[in-house]
Protein backbone atom coordinates (compact mmCIF):
# COMPACT_ATOMS: atom_id res chain seq x y z
CA MET A 1 -38.62 56.59 -63.39
CA ILE A 2 -37.20 54.44 -60.64
CA ASN A 3 -36.16 55.19 -57.10
CA ALA A 4 -32.37 55.50 -56.57
CA THR A 5 -32.52 52.47 -54.25
CA GLN A 6 -33.63 50.37 -57.27
CA ILE A 7 -30.42 51.08 -59.19
CA ARG A 8 -28.58 47.85 -60.02
CA LYS A 9 -25.32 46.99 -61.75
CA GLY A 10 -25.73 46.79 -65.53
CA ILE A 11 -28.81 48.99 -65.97
CA ILE A 12 -28.77 52.05 -68.24
CA ILE A 13 -29.89 55.39 -66.83
CA LEU A 14 -30.46 58.83 -68.33
CA LEU A 15 -28.75 61.57 -66.33
CA ASN A 16 -28.30 65.19 -67.50
CA ASP A 17 -29.35 64.18 -71.06
CA ARG A 18 -26.59 61.53 -71.26
CA LEU A 19 -26.79 57.74 -71.13
CA TYR A 20 -24.82 55.93 -68.44
CA ARG A 21 -24.35 52.24 -67.63
CA VAL A 22 -24.10 51.45 -63.90
CA GLU A 23 -20.79 49.60 -63.46
CA ASP A 24 -20.98 49.29 -59.67
CA MET A 25 -23.23 50.50 -56.88
CA GLU A 26 -23.33 50.53 -53.10
CA HIS A 27 -26.18 51.48 -50.79
CA ILE A 28 -24.75 53.53 -47.91
CA THR A 29 -26.67 54.25 -44.72
CA PRO A 30 -24.71 56.63 -42.51
CA GLY A 31 -25.32 56.70 -38.77
CA LYS A 32 -26.64 60.21 -39.10
CA GLY A 33 -28.30 61.75 -42.13
CA GLN A 34 -29.95 60.41 -45.23
CA ALA A 35 -29.09 57.12 -46.98
CA VAL A 36 -27.38 57.41 -50.36
CA VAL A 37 -26.61 55.18 -53.32
CA GLN A 38 -22.97 55.55 -54.39
CA THR A 39 -22.50 54.52 -58.02
CA LYS A 40 -19.72 54.11 -60.53
CA ILE A 41 -21.25 54.95 -63.92
CA ARG A 42 -19.84 54.76 -67.47
CA ASP A 43 -20.76 57.48 -69.95
CA LEU A 44 -21.85 55.56 -73.05
CA ASN A 45 -20.84 58.39 -75.39
CA ASP A 46 -17.15 58.71 -74.49
CA MET A 47 -16.81 55.55 -72.28
CA THR A 48 -15.40 57.51 -69.31
CA ILE A 49 -16.18 56.34 -65.79
CA ARG A 50 -17.26 58.66 -63.00
CA ASN A 51 -18.60 58.35 -59.49
CA TYR A 52 -22.05 59.71 -58.76
CA ARG A 53 -24.00 59.80 -55.51
CA PHE A 54 -27.80 59.68 -55.47
CA ARG A 55 -29.97 60.48 -52.45
CA SER A 56 -32.08 57.41 -51.65
CA ASN A 57 -35.35 59.27 -52.32
CA GLU A 58 -34.13 60.69 -55.65
CA LYS A 59 -35.86 59.58 -58.86
CA VAL A 60 -33.74 58.31 -61.76
CA GLU A 61 -34.84 57.68 -65.34
CA ARG A 62 -34.12 54.10 -66.40
CA VAL A 63 -33.80 53.69 -70.15
CA VAL A 64 -35.75 50.83 -71.72
CA MET A 65 -33.62 48.96 -74.22
CA ASP A 66 -34.35 46.80 -77.25
CA SER A 67 -32.72 43.42 -76.68
CA LYS A 68 -31.79 40.58 -79.00
CA GLY A 69 -29.78 37.37 -78.91
CA VAL A 70 -26.32 37.46 -80.49
CA SER A 71 -23.43 35.00 -80.85
CA PHE A 72 -19.70 35.76 -80.78
CA SER A 73 -18.09 35.18 -84.19
CA TYR A 74 -14.49 36.41 -84.09
CA GLN A 75 -12.07 39.12 -82.94
CA ASP A 76 -10.52 41.58 -85.39
CA GLY A 77 -7.87 43.62 -83.54
CA ASP A 78 -9.69 45.68 -80.89
CA GLN A 79 -13.09 44.88 -82.41
CA TYR A 80 -15.27 41.95 -81.38
CA ILE A 81 -17.67 40.75 -84.06
CA PHE A 82 -21.04 39.29 -83.04
CA MET A 83 -23.82 37.88 -85.21
CA ASP A 84 -27.52 38.59 -84.69
CA ASN A 85 -29.14 35.17 -84.15
CA GLU A 86 -32.30 36.13 -86.09
CA THR A 87 -31.12 38.28 -89.02
CA TYR A 88 -27.49 37.03 -89.19
CA ASP A 89 -26.30 40.67 -89.37
CA GLN A 90 -22.81 41.31 -88.01
CA ILE A 91 -22.34 43.73 -85.12
CA SER A 92 -18.91 45.14 -84.24
CA LEU A 93 -18.21 46.07 -80.60
CA SER A 94 -15.08 47.84 -79.33
CA LYS A 95 -12.74 46.57 -76.61
CA GLU A 96 -13.79 49.52 -74.38
CA PHE A 97 -17.45 48.61 -74.83
CA MET A 98 -16.77 44.95 -73.98
CA GLY A 99 -15.01 45.66 -70.66
CA ASP A 100 -14.74 42.47 -68.56
CA ASN A 101 -17.02 40.62 -70.99
CA VAL A 102 -13.90 39.79 -73.06
CA TYR A 103 -13.28 37.02 -70.49
CA TYR A 104 -16.63 35.41 -71.30
CA LEU A 105 -16.37 35.04 -75.08
CA ASP A 106 -17.46 31.66 -76.43
CA GLU A 107 -18.73 30.87 -79.93
CA GLU A 108 -21.24 28.38 -78.48
CA ALA A 109 -22.88 30.86 -76.06
CA THR A 110 -25.79 33.23 -76.68
CA TYR A 111 -25.43 36.79 -75.39
CA ILE A 112 -28.09 39.46 -74.92
CA LEU A 113 -27.26 42.71 -76.73
CA GLU A 114 -29.28 45.71 -75.55
CA SER A 115 -29.51 48.74 -77.81
CA TYR A 116 -31.08 52.18 -77.63
CA LYS A 117 -32.25 53.78 -80.89
CA GLY A 118 -30.10 51.28 -82.84
CA GLN A 119 -26.94 52.00 -80.83
CA PRO A 120 -25.48 49.04 -78.81
CA MET A 121 -25.48 49.87 -75.10
CA ASN A 122 -24.97 46.68 -73.08
CA LEU A 123 -23.86 43.09 -73.66
CA THR A 124 -24.90 40.45 -71.13
CA PRO A 125 -23.20 37.03 -71.20
CA PRO A 126 -24.94 33.85 -70.00
CA LEU A 127 -25.38 33.83 -66.20
CA THR A 128 -22.86 31.00 -65.76
CA MET A 129 -20.08 29.66 -67.97
CA GLU A 130 -17.63 26.76 -67.67
CA PHE A 131 -13.85 27.15 -67.91
CA GLU A 132 -10.82 24.95 -67.42
CA VAL A 133 -8.39 25.76 -64.60
CA VAL A 134 -4.96 26.03 -66.25
CA GLU A 135 -2.97 27.03 -63.18
CA ALA A 136 -3.68 26.64 -59.45
CA GLU A 137 -1.51 26.63 -56.36
CA LYS A 138 -1.10 23.28 -54.62
CA SER A 139 -3.16 23.03 -51.46
CA ILE A 140 -1.50 22.04 -48.20
CA LYS A 141 -2.86 18.79 -46.80
CA GLY A 142 -4.70 19.25 -43.53
CA ALA A 143 -5.01 23.01 -44.03
CA THR A 144 -8.80 22.87 -44.19
CA VAL A 145 -9.50 24.27 -40.74
CA GLN A 146 -10.44 27.56 -42.34
CA ALA A 147 -12.41 27.85 -45.55
CA SER A 148 -9.61 29.64 -47.37
CA TYR A 149 -9.68 30.16 -51.10
CA LYS A 150 -6.63 30.21 -53.37
CA PRO A 151 -5.98 32.02 -56.67
CA ALA A 152 -6.38 30.09 -59.93
CA LYS A 153 -5.89 31.06 -63.57
CA LEU A 154 -8.57 29.99 -66.05
CA SER A 155 -8.40 29.11 -69.75
CA ASN A 156 -9.96 32.50 -70.58
CA GLY A 157 -7.02 34.36 -68.94
CA MET A 158 -9.02 35.39 -65.89
CA GLU A 159 -7.81 34.90 -62.31
CA ILE A 160 -10.35 33.99 -59.64
CA MET A 161 -10.39 32.61 -56.11
CA VAL A 162 -11.27 28.90 -55.85
CA PRO A 163 -11.56 26.36 -52.99
CA PRO A 164 -8.40 24.43 -52.01
CA PHE A 165 -9.52 21.16 -53.69
CA ILE A 166 -9.50 22.70 -57.19
CA GLU A 167 -6.49 21.68 -59.29
CA ALA A 168 -5.16 22.47 -62.77
CA GLY A 169 -7.21 20.59 -65.37
CA ASN A 170 -10.51 20.82 -63.45
CA ILE A 171 -13.52 22.34 -65.20
CA ILE A 172 -15.36 24.88 -63.03
CA LYS A 173 -18.55 26.91 -63.35
CA VAL A 174 -18.15 30.70 -62.97
CA ASP A 175 -20.80 33.36 -62.23
CA THR A 176 -20.39 35.96 -65.00
CA ARG A 177 -21.97 38.76 -62.96
CA ASP A 178 -19.03 38.99 -60.55
CA GLY A 179 -16.50 36.43 -61.82
CA SER A 180 -16.84 34.18 -58.78
CA TYR A 181 -16.46 30.40 -58.46
CA ILE A 182 -19.72 28.42 -58.26
CA GLU A 183 -18.83 24.72 -58.49
CA ARG A 184 -16.54 22.07 -59.95
CA ILE A 185 -17.93 20.22 -62.96
CA SER A 186 -17.24 16.50 -63.24
CA LYS A 187 -17.12 15.30 -66.84
């Protein structure tokens, strides 16, 4: 059991005899009254998302998962096929299960697949990944008074905000937890 204030994005909790993955969370402290943790949780049985509010002193059961390293092999329609790095067994994951992780698929990377009683529950990509910028707005010379970011499209199809000096063709490092720019890679 953990305190509601220890809830973090990506963990699996047991609530009303159902497993949920925390998709997003926010700790809210109102001016008057008790602090709460507002969460967006995904039911792992039917993949629906709902909002749930926990009181900050409430206890929540965190589910302990079995985890193993897997590698992405290929996509077959709406199914993503991964290979267990130890046993070489193939594991098929649905597009709904993958969520935003579809942007971080790379055959060279190792992912952590967490399962509960043999059922896949969560896939965690590497903390950072490198992608090529395929499209970026031109920056205006001398417009660096403010640290303003501009939108850029990456080779994985994702759009993120990048600093003005990033141009098409640059390789950048992206934080997979929130899809944010980290740094430009010089190769």
